[in-house]
Amino acid sequence: MNQTRTFGSLPRLVGAAHAPEAAPQLAVLCLSGCLGGLELNSLKFAGWMQERGWRVTFFAPPATPLAKWAEEWFIPLETLAVRRGLAMPLMAWALKEQLERLNIGVLVVTQNKDLAVATLVKTLMGGHLRIIYQQHMQLGRPKRSLVHTLRFRLVDAWLTPLPGLAREVAYRTRFDMAKLHVVPLGLPLEQFAPPTHTAAEARHELDLPQNVRLLGILGRFDDGKGQDFVIDVLHHLRQKFGYDAHLVIMGEPTRNEGDAYLHQLERQVARLGLQRQVHFRGFRANPAVFYHAIDVFMMASENETYGMVTLEALAAGVPVVAAATGGTVELVQHGQTGLLHVWHDVAACARAVRRTFEDPEATHERVERARLERWRYSHHRQCALTEDVIRALSTEGTVPRPHRSRPARPPAINTIFSPNRPE
């Protein structure tokens, strides 16, 4: 059963902080059963827009981490049973009825595979719904078929986080580029800088050793994230350079995929004799303490589309050593804001880490340049740019503008993520 729980080209940047009274009601759709960067970013975006005065409803499958966290963060929630294949029209009809009941005018979709049901719903509603696709992942294979082209024609705006991804959309789809907007995914910079912990305090909180060089990698346990590679880099640093270095790996297994990869990592650690130097720590909704504890952040993903953890590390003032893959090459400017290396080259990565430690003046300069650039990735900027897109659709007369009274203000999402909030 569906449930409702209520708890309370680049566009110009408009500085308005709150939605107008006549603004359309928004919904954010993410029908994922997992809890990773895409899912958390989708939920945080809904909370930030709610904080700015928008009426937002979040749609997620029932009994999933997303549904749980939506309740935890006081974001109005509608659950929707996921039906794929031949049963998808039943899911589309259920979503149509929910959107009409809630008088939703704009639907933000954050998973590419959810566009199929969203565009079907728009058709069922006679076109009286505006769809904004907020891209989080690369497109992968080309999507220029008739089915994809017809589906994308029903998308009113496509928000892509990086210029490189915009070029990929132009190359791999037949989407109308006049409706494409570069809108970087944002993060609450104030959560990461200035530091809320000293390094000693952060290490004490995470039960980590104090007087060692500490590398860190953050993300779900997945062989595409490269935790096994970073363990090999640690071993290389200790064996070849004699560094008394340690590694903290923070994350949790991917939902419904078991913990086989975690056990593989544990066996690797034992085989290399690093049981005392590698520290596994569980997922935290507020990861700021992780960044304040480490000396170097490691991004080792095989092909990261848009590494929010990389941006968090840069915002927190942590030196970044990253594989030159995917969107990372746009987020990190080699030699300017961090150091890049060839993916899966253990020796090259170890040299970059060594360079970070042995030239502290140059490392400090890179950290400071990253601090100066971090405003581009503020969540305030992401929300303001998205509001510009919504207002443009409204100005064109394509978005219904229902009258509403301003709801009671919910707890601020930034307060919920406050470093001082108990875990």
Protein backbone atom coordinates (compact mmCIF):
# COMPACT_ATOMS: atom_id res chain seq x y z
CA MET A 1 0.00 0.00 0.00
CA ASN A 2 1.10 3.56 -0.64
CA GLN A 3 1.73 5.71 2.36
CA THR A 4 2.05 9.43 2.95
CA ARG A 5 4.11 10.74 5.83
CA THR A 6 4.48 14.49 6.18
CA PHE A 7 6.79 15.90 8.82
CA GLY A 8 6.45 19.33 8.60
CA SER A 9 24.01 26.27 -22.61
CA LEU A 10 24.22 27.29 -18.43
CA PRO A 11 21.33 29.08 -16.77
CA ARG A 12 21.82 32.33 -14.92
CA LEU A 13 22.31 32.10 -11.17
CA VAL A 14 19.40 33.80 -9.44
CA GLY A 15 19.87 34.70 -5.81
CA ALA A 16 16.30 34.13 -4.61
CA ALA A 17 16.39 32.07 -1.42
CA HIS A 18 12.82 30.83 -1.29
CA ALA A 19 10.12 29.64 -3.65
CA PRO A 20 7.24 32.03 -4.40
CA GLU A 21 3.84 31.27 -2.98
CA ALA A 22 2.53 30.32 -6.44
CA ALA A 23 5.40 27.95 -7.21
CA PRO A 24 4.52 24.47 -8.47
CA GLN A 25 4.66 21.60 -6.04
CA LEU A 26 7.67 19.37 -6.58
CA ALA A 27 8.29 15.66 -6.34
CA VAL A 28 11.63 13.83 -6.44
CA LEU A 29 11.51 10.26 -7.75
CA CYS A 30 14.23 7.71 -6.99
CA LEU A 31 13.05 4.09 -7.19
CA SER A 32 16.27 2.54 -5.94
CA GLY A 33 16.55 -0.11 -3.28
CA CYS A 34 20.20 0.73 -2.59
CA LEU A 35 21.82 3.47 -0.53
CA GLY A 36 24.76 5.03 -2.32
CA GLY A 37 25.82 8.44 -3.54
CA LEU A 38 23.01 8.80 -6.07
CA GLU A 39 20.34 7.91 -3.53
CA LEU A 40 21.68 10.12 -0.75
CA ASN A 41 22.20 13.05 -3.13
CA SER A 42 18.60 12.70 -4.35
CA LEU A 43 17.26 12.76 -0.81
CA LYS A 44 19.47 15.64 0.28
CA PHE A 45 18.38 17.67 -2.76
CA ALA A 46 14.74 17.18 -1.75
CA GLY A 47 15.56 18.36 1.76
CA TRP A 48 17.45 21.41 0.55
CA MET A 49 14.61 22.46 -1.74
CA GLN A 50 12.18 21.99 1.13
CA GLU A 51 14.40 24.16 3.30
CA ARG A 52 14.25 26.90 0.65
CA GLY A 53 10.45 26.98 0.89
CA TRP A 54 9.36 24.53 -1.79
CA ARG A 55 6.63 21.97 -1.18
CA VAL A 56 8.48 18.72 -1.91
CA THR A 57 7.41 15.08 -1.81
CA PHE A 58 9.96 12.28 -2.12
CA PHE A 59 8.99 9.04 -3.88
CA ALA A 60 10.85 5.85 -2.94
CA PRO A 61 10.11 2.11 -2.78
CA PRO A 62 8.70 0.89 0.56
CA ALA A 63 10.94 -0.71 3.20
CA THR A 64 14.17 0.62 1.65
CA PRO A 65 17.00 2.70 3.12
CA LEU A 66 15.72 5.72 1.16
CA ALA A 67 12.28 5.44 2.74
CA LYS A 68 13.87 5.09 6.18
CA TRP A 69 16.13 8.12 5.74
CA ALA A 70 13.31 10.24 4.30
CA GLU A 71 11.43 9.70 7.55
CA GLU A 72 14.56 10.31 9.60
CA TRP A 73 15.15 13.64 7.86
CA PHE A 74 11.49 14.75 7.99
CA ILE A 75 11.02 14.81 4.21
CA PRO A 76 7.41 14.13 3.10
CA LEU A 77 7.40 10.60 1.70
CA GLU A 78 5.26 8.62 -0.72
CA THR A 79 6.13 4.97 -1.25
CA LEU A 80 5.67 3.28 -4.60
CA ALA A 81 5.97 -0.45 -5.27
CA VAL A 82 8.45 -0.99 -8.09
CA ARG A 83 7.13 -2.91 -11.09
CA ARG A 84 9.26 -3.36 -14.19
CA GLY A 85 8.67 -4.98 -17.55
CA LEU A 86 5.09 -5.77 -18.51
CA ALA A 87 3.86 -4.70 -15.05
CA MET A 88 5.30 -1.19 -15.38
CA PRO A 89 1.97 0.35 -16.55
CA LEU A 90 0.45 -0.64 -13.19
CA MET A 91 3.23 1.27 -11.41
CA ALA A 92 2.74 4.22 -13.76
CA TRP A 93 -0.99 4.35 -13.03
CA ALA A 94 -0.36 4.24 -9.27
CA LEU A 95 2.19 7.07 -9.58
CA LYS A 96 -0.22 9.09 -11.74
CA GLU A 97 -2.91 8.87 -9.06
CA GLN A 98 -0.45 9.91 -6.35
CA LEU A 99 0.81 12.91 -8.33
CA GLU A 100 -2.72 14.07 -9.13
CA ARG A 101 -3.84 13.66 -5.53
CA LEU A 102 -0.90 15.75 -4.34
CA ASN A 103 -1.27 18.29 -7.19
CA ILE A 104 2.36 17.81 -8.23
CA GLY A 105 3.40 20.02 -11.14
CA VAL A 106 7.09 19.14 -11.52
CA LEU A 107 8.71 15.71 -11.17
CA VAL A 108 12.49 15.53 -10.71
CA VAL A 109 13.82 12.10 -11.76
CA THR A 110 17.31 11.11 -10.58
CA GLN A 111 17.72 7.59 -12.05
CA ASN A 112 17.87 7.17 -15.80
CA LYS A 113 15.90 3.93 -15.70
CA ASP A 114 13.05 5.71 -13.87
CA LEU A 115 12.48 7.96 -16.90
CA ALA A 116 10.50 5.14 -18.54
CA VAL A 117 7.78 5.21 -15.89
CA ALA A 118 7.94 9.00 -15.48
CA THR A 119 7.36 9.69 -19.18
CA LEU A 120 4.55 7.12 -19.28
CA VAL A 121 2.92 8.93 -16.35
CA LYS A 122 3.23 12.24 -18.21
CA THR A 123 1.42 10.69 -21.16
CA LEU A 124 -1.31 9.31 -18.89
CA MET A 125 -1.74 12.80 -17.43
CA GLY A 126 -2.26 14.32 -20.85
CA GLY A 127 1.05 16.17 -20.71
CA HIS A 128 0.10 18.04 -17.52
CA LEU A 129 3.37 17.22 -15.77
CA ARG A 130 6.84 18.61 -16.27
CA ILE A 131 9.77 16.22 -15.98
CA ILE A 132 13.27 17.35 -15.01
CA TYR A 133 15.98 14.70 -15.28
CA GLN A 134 18.78 15.28 -12.78
CA GLN A 135 21.66 13.22 -14.15
CA HIS A 136 23.94 11.45 -11.66
CA MET A 137 25.49 8.68 -13.77
CA GLN A 138 27.15 8.40 -17.18
CA LEU A 139 24.96 7.28 -20.04
CA GLY A 140 27.07 4.27 -20.93
CA ARG A 141 25.99 2.86 -24.25
CA PRO A 142 24.41 5.16 -26.87
CA LYS A 143 20.74 5.95 -26.41
CA ARG A 144 19.79 7.13 -29.90
CA SER A 145 17.12 4.52 -30.63
CA LEU A 146 13.55 5.50 -31.50
CA VAL A 147 12.34 4.42 -28.05
CA HIS A 148 14.94 6.55 -26.25
CA THR A 149 14.39 9.51 -28.57
CA LEU A 150 10.62 9.50 -28.02
CA ARG A 151 11.12 9.12 -24.28
CA PHE A 152 13.62 11.99 -24.10
CA ARG A 153 11.24 14.26 -26.04
CA LEU A 154 8.93 14.08 -23.02
CA VAL A 155 11.71 15.37 -20.71
CA ASP A 156 11.33 19.14 -20.26
CA ALA A 157 14.81 19.79 -18.85
CA TRP A 158 17.96 17.70 -18.45
CA LEU A 159 20.37 18.79 -15.70
CA THR A 160 23.87 17.40 -16.15
CA PRO A 161 26.56 18.07 -13.53
CA LEU A 162 29.65 18.47 -15.74
CA PRO A 163 30.47 19.90 -19.18
CA GLY A 164 32.01 16.56 -20.15
CA LEU A 165 28.75 14.80 -19.42
CA ALA A 166 26.91 17.42 -21.47
CA ARG A 167 29.12 16.52 -24.43
CA GLU A 168 28.31 12.86 -23.83
CA VAL A 169 24.57 13.64 -23.96
CA ALA A 170 25.06 15.43 -27.28
CA TYR A 171 27.04 12.50 -28.69
CA ARG A 172 25.06 9.53 -27.35
CA THR A 173 21.46 10.79 -27.59
CA ARG A 174 19.19 12.82 -29.86
CA PHE A 175 18.08 15.00 -26.95
CA ASP A 176 17.23 18.63 -27.70
CA MET A 177 20.34 20.43 -26.44
CA ALA A 178 18.36 23.63 -25.92
CA LYS A 179 16.81 21.87 -22.92
CA LEU A 180 20.15 20.75 -21.46
CA HIS A 181 21.59 22.69 -18.48
CA VAL A 182 24.90 22.23 -16.68
CA VAL A 183 24.01 22.21 -12.98
CA PRO A 184 26.74 20.79 -10.70
CA LEU A 185 25.49 18.56 -7.92
CA GLY A 186 26.11 20.38 -4.66
CA LEU A 187 27.11 19.74 -1.10
CA PRO A 188 26.73 21.74 2.12
CA LEU A 189 30.22 23.22 2.30
CA GLU A 190 29.72 24.45 5.84
CA GLN A 191 29.65 20.86 7.09
CA PHE A 192 33.24 20.26 6.03
CA ALA A 193 35.00 23.57 6.61
CA PRO A 194 36.04 24.98 8.94
CA PRO A 195 36.90 21.71 10.71
CA THR A 196 34.66 20.72 13.60
CA HIS A 197 37.30 18.32 14.97
CA THR A 198 41.04 18.42 15.32
CA ALA A 199 42.73 15.46 13.68
CA ALA A 200 43.38 13.99 17.12
CA GLU A 201 39.73 14.36 18.14
CA ALA A 202 38.48 12.86 14.88
CA ARG A 203 40.82 9.88 15.17
CA HIS A 204 39.79 9.35 18.76
CA GLU A 205 36.12 9.36 17.78
CA LEU A 206 36.75 6.79 15.04
CA ASP A 207 39.15 4.75 17.20
CA LEU A 208 42.09 5.27 14.84
CA PRO A 209 45.83 5.47 15.64
CA GLN A 210 47.16 8.97 16.31
CA ASN A 211 50.77 9.25 15.23
CA VAL A 212 50.74 7.67 11.77
CA ARG A 213 50.22 8.80 8.20
CA LEU A 214 46.60 7.94 7.52
CA LEU A 215 45.09 7.37 4.07
CA GLY A 216 41.32 7.19 3.66
CA ILE A 217 38.80 5.91 1.13
CA LEU A 218 35.04 6.38 1.51
CA GLY A 219 32.24 4.61 -0.36
CA ARG A 220 30.23 1.43 -0.54
CA PHE A 221 32.18 -1.82 -0.69
CA ASP A 222 32.30 -2.54 -4.40
CA ASP A 223 35.11 -3.78 -6.63
CA GLY A 224 34.53 -0.78 -8.92
CA LYS A 225 35.37 1.58 -6.05
CA GLY A 226 38.94 0.31 -5.74
CA GLN A 227 39.32 -0.47 -2.05
CA ASP A 228 41.44 -3.50 -2.99
CA PHE A 229 43.71 -1.26 -5.08
CA VAL A 230 44.24 1.18 -2.21
CA ILE A 231 45.20 -1.71 0.09
CA ASP A 232 47.89 -2.63 -2.45
CA VAL A 233 49.04 1.00 -2.52
CA LEU A 234 49.36 0.98 1.27
CA HIS A 235 51.44 -2.20 1.09
CA HIS A 236 53.67 -0.60 -1.58
CA LEU A 237 54.20 2.52 0.55
CA ARG A 238 55.21 0.45 3.55
CA GLN A 239 57.43 -2.00 1.65
CA LYS A 240 59.12 0.32 -0.89
CA PHE A 241 59.25 3.63 0.99
CA GLY A 242 59.22 2.47 4.60
CA TYR A 243 56.22 4.62 5.53
CA ASP A 244 54.44 3.84 8.79
CA ALA A 245 51.17 4.43 6.96
CA HIS A 246 47.68 3.21 7.81
CA LEU A 247 44.41 3.11 5.87
CA VAL A 248 40.82 3.66 6.97
CA ILE A 249 38.09 2.23 4.72
CA MET A 250 34.64 3.64 5.51
CA GLY A 251 31.45 2.28 3.97
CA GLU A 252 29.10 -0.67 3.87
CA PRO A 253 28.20 -3.45 1.43
CA THR A 254 25.86 -2.66 -1.44
CA ARG A 255 22.29 -3.55 -0.45
CA ASN A 256 21.11 -6.96 -1.70
CA GLU A 257 24.57 -7.85 -3.02
CA GLY A 258 25.94 -9.52 0.09
CA ASP A 259 29.31 -9.03 1.75
CA ALA A 260 31.49 -11.22 -0.48
CA TYR A 261 33.65 -8.27 -1.56
CA LEU A 262 34.16 -7.16 2.04
CA HIS A 263 35.37 -10.66 2.92
CA GLN A 264 37.66 -10.53 -0.12
CA LEU A 265 39.18 -7.31 1.23
CA GLU A 266 39.63 -8.86 4.67
CA ARG A 267 41.42 -11.84 3.13
CA GLN A 268 43.66 -9.49 1.13
CA VAL A 269 44.55 -7.56 4.29
CA ALA A 270 45.43 -10.80 6.09
CA ARG A 271 47.49 -12.09 3.16
CA LEU A 272 49.56 -8.87 3.14
CA GLY A 273 49.93 -8.84 6.92
CA LEU A 274 48.13 -5.49 7.29
CA GLN A 275 45.56 -6.41 9.94
CA ARG A 276 46.90 -3.73 12.30
CA GLN A 277 47.23 -1.07 9.58
CA VAL A 278 43.86 -1.32 7.77
CA HIS A 279 40.79 -0.12 9.67
CA PHE A 280 37.22 -0.80 8.49
CA ARG A 281 34.56 1.62 9.69
CA GLY A 282 30.82 1.65 9.00
CA PHE A 283 28.73 4.12 7.02
CA ARG A 284 27.92 7.50 8.59
CA ALA A 285 25.30 9.93 7.32
CA ASN A 286 27.60 12.78 8.32
CA PRO A 287 31.12 11.86 7.15
CA ALA A 288 32.88 15.10 8.14
CA VAL A 289 34.75 13.41 11.00
CA PHE A 290 36.25 10.96 8.48
CA TYR A 291 37.84 13.76 6.43
CA HIS A 292 39.12 15.52 9.53
CA ALA A 293 40.86 12.31 10.63
CA ILE A 294 42.81 11.48 7.48
CA ASP A 295 45.95 12.91 5.87
CA VAL A 296 45.22 11.96 2.22
CA PHE A 297 41.94 11.12 0.52
CA MET A 298 42.10 8.35 -2.08
CA MET A 299 39.69 8.20 -5.03
CA ALA A 300 40.33 4.91 -6.83
CA SER A 301 37.07 4.22 -8.68
CA GLU A 302 37.27 2.58 -12.08
CA ASN A 303 34.98 5.18 -13.65
CA GLU A 304 33.40 7.60 -11.18
CA THR A 305 30.81 9.81 -12.88
CA TYR A 306 30.79 12.59 -10.30
CA GLY A 307 32.58 11.87 -7.05
CA MET A 308 30.74 13.68 -4.26
CA VAL A 309 33.26 12.22 -1.82
CA THR A 310 36.03 13.85 -3.85
CA LEU A 311 34.30 17.22 -3.54
CA GLU A 312 33.78 16.65 0.18
CA ALA A 313 37.48 15.97 0.63
CA LEU A 314 38.44 19.09 -1.34
CA ALA A 315 35.98 21.17 0.70
CA ALA A 316 37.36 19.74 3.95
CA GLY A 317 40.91 20.76 3.01
CA VAL A 318 42.22 17.21 2.59
CA PRO A 319 44.87 16.52 -0.08
CA VAL A 320 43.37 14.37 -2.85
CA VAL A 321 45.10 11.62 -4.83
CA ALA A 322 42.74 10.26 -7.48
CA ALA A 323 42.55 7.97 -10.47
CA ALA A 324 42.24 9.90 -13.73
CA THR A 325 38.92 8.40 -14.79
CA GLY A 326 35.37 9.59 -15.46
CA GLY A 327 34.31 12.93 -14.06
CA THR A 328 37.21 13.01 -11.61
CA VAL A 329 39.42 14.60 -14.28
CA GLU A 330 37.03 17.59 -14.29
CA LEU A 331 36.66 17.83 -10.51
CA VAL A 332 40.40 17.59 -9.77
CA GLN A 333 42.89 19.67 -11.73
CA HIS A 334 46.15 17.72 -11.71
CA GLY A 335 48.91 19.62 -9.95
CA GLN A 336 46.55 22.49 -9.14
CA THR A 337 43.88 21.18 -6.74
CA GLY A 338 45.03 17.56 -6.36
CA LEU A 339 47.13 14.83 -7.92
CA LEU A 340 45.91 12.35 -10.55
CA HIS A 341 47.42 9.02 -11.57
CA VAL A 342 46.76 6.35 -14.18
CA TRP A 343 43.96 4.09 -13.01
CA HIS A 344 45.08 0.86 -11.32
CA ASP A 345 48.78 1.76 -11.43
CA VAL A 346 49.90 0.99 -7.88
CA ALA A 347 53.39 2.45 -8.27
CA ALA A 348 52.10 5.70 -9.83
CA CYS A 349 49.53 6.15 -7.08
CA ALA A 350 52.13 5.45 -4.38
CA ARG A 351 54.43 8.08 -5.93
CA ALA A 352 51.59 10.63 -5.84
CA VAL A 353 50.98 9.87 -2.15
CA ARG A 354 54.70 10.15 -1.44
CA ARG A 355 54.81 13.49 -3.30
CA THR A 356 51.92 14.69 -1.15
CA PHE A 357 53.79 13.89 2.06
CA GLU A 358 57.29 14.96 1.01
CA ASP A 359 56.43 18.35 -0.48
CA PRO A 360 54.10 19.86 2.15
CA GLU A 361 54.39 23.40 0.75
CA ALA A 362 53.11 22.38 -2.70
CA THR A 363 50.45 20.19 -1.07
CA HIS A 364 49.24 23.16 0.98
CA GLU A 365 49.03 25.31 -2.16
CA ARG A 366 46.88 22.69 -3.89
CA VAL A 367 44.58 22.48 -0.89
CA GLU A 368 44.17 26.26 -0.82
CA ARG A 369 43.38 26.43 -4.55
CA ALA A 370 40.72 23.77 -4.01
CA ARG A 371 39.21 25.85 -1.21
CA LEU A 372 38.93 28.85 -3.55
CA GLU A 373 37.10 26.75 -6.16
CA ARG A 374 34.70 24.97 -3.86
CA TRP A 375 31.90 27.58 -4.15
CA ARG A 376 31.07 26.10 -7.57
CA TYR A 377 29.81 22.99 -5.82
CA SER A 378 27.71 24.59 -3.09
CA HIS A 379 24.26 23.08 -2.62
CA HIS A 380 22.88 26.63 -2.57
CA ARG A 381 24.15 27.09 -6.13
CA GLN A 382 22.70 23.76 -7.27
CA CYS A 383 19.28 24.66 -5.86
CA ALA A 384 19.33 28.19 -7.28
CA LEU A 385 20.23 26.95 -10.76
CA THR A 386 17.50 24.31 -10.56
CA GLU A 387 15.01 26.98 -9.49
CA ASP A 388 15.99 28.99 -12.57
CA VAL A 389 15.06 26.00 -14.75
CA ILE A 390 11.72 25.53 -12.98
CA ARG A 391 10.92 29.23 -13.29
CA ALA A 392 11.79 29.16 -16.99
CA LEU A 393 9.33 26.32 -17.52
CA SER A 394 6.74 28.25 -15.52
CA THR A 395 7.33 31.44 -17.53
CA GLU A 396 6.71 29.49 -20.71
CA GLY A 397 3.31 28.56 -19.31
CA THR A 398 4.16 24.89 -19.18
CA VAL A 399 3.92 24.36 -15.42
CA PRO A 400 0.68 24.52 -13.45
CA ARG A 401 0.91 27.06 -10.64
CA PRO A 402 -1.45 25.90 -7.87
CA HIS A 403 -2.28 28.20 -5.00
CA ARG A 404 -0.94 26.99 -1.69
CA SER A 405 -0.34 28.27 1.78
CA ARG A 406 3.19 28.05 3.10
CA PRO A 407 3.58 24.91 5.25
CA ALA A 408 5.12 24.90 8.69
CA ARG A 409 8.88 25.07 8.26
CA PRO A 410 10.49 21.62 8.64
CA PRO A 411 13.78 21.08 10.44
CA ALA A 412 16.61 22.36 8.26
CA ILE A 413 18.39 19.55 6.44
CA ASN A 414 21.72 21.17 7.33
CA THR A 415 20.78 21.03 11.00
CA ILE A 416 19.95 17.36 10.62
CA PHE A 417 23.44 16.83 9.21
CA SER A 418 25.04 18.95 11.91
CA PRO A 419 28.33 17.49 13.14
CA ASN A 420 27.09 18.04 16.68
CA ARG A 421 23.96 15.96 16.13
CA PRO A 422 24.21 12.55 17.87
CA GLU A 423 24.69 9.60 15.52
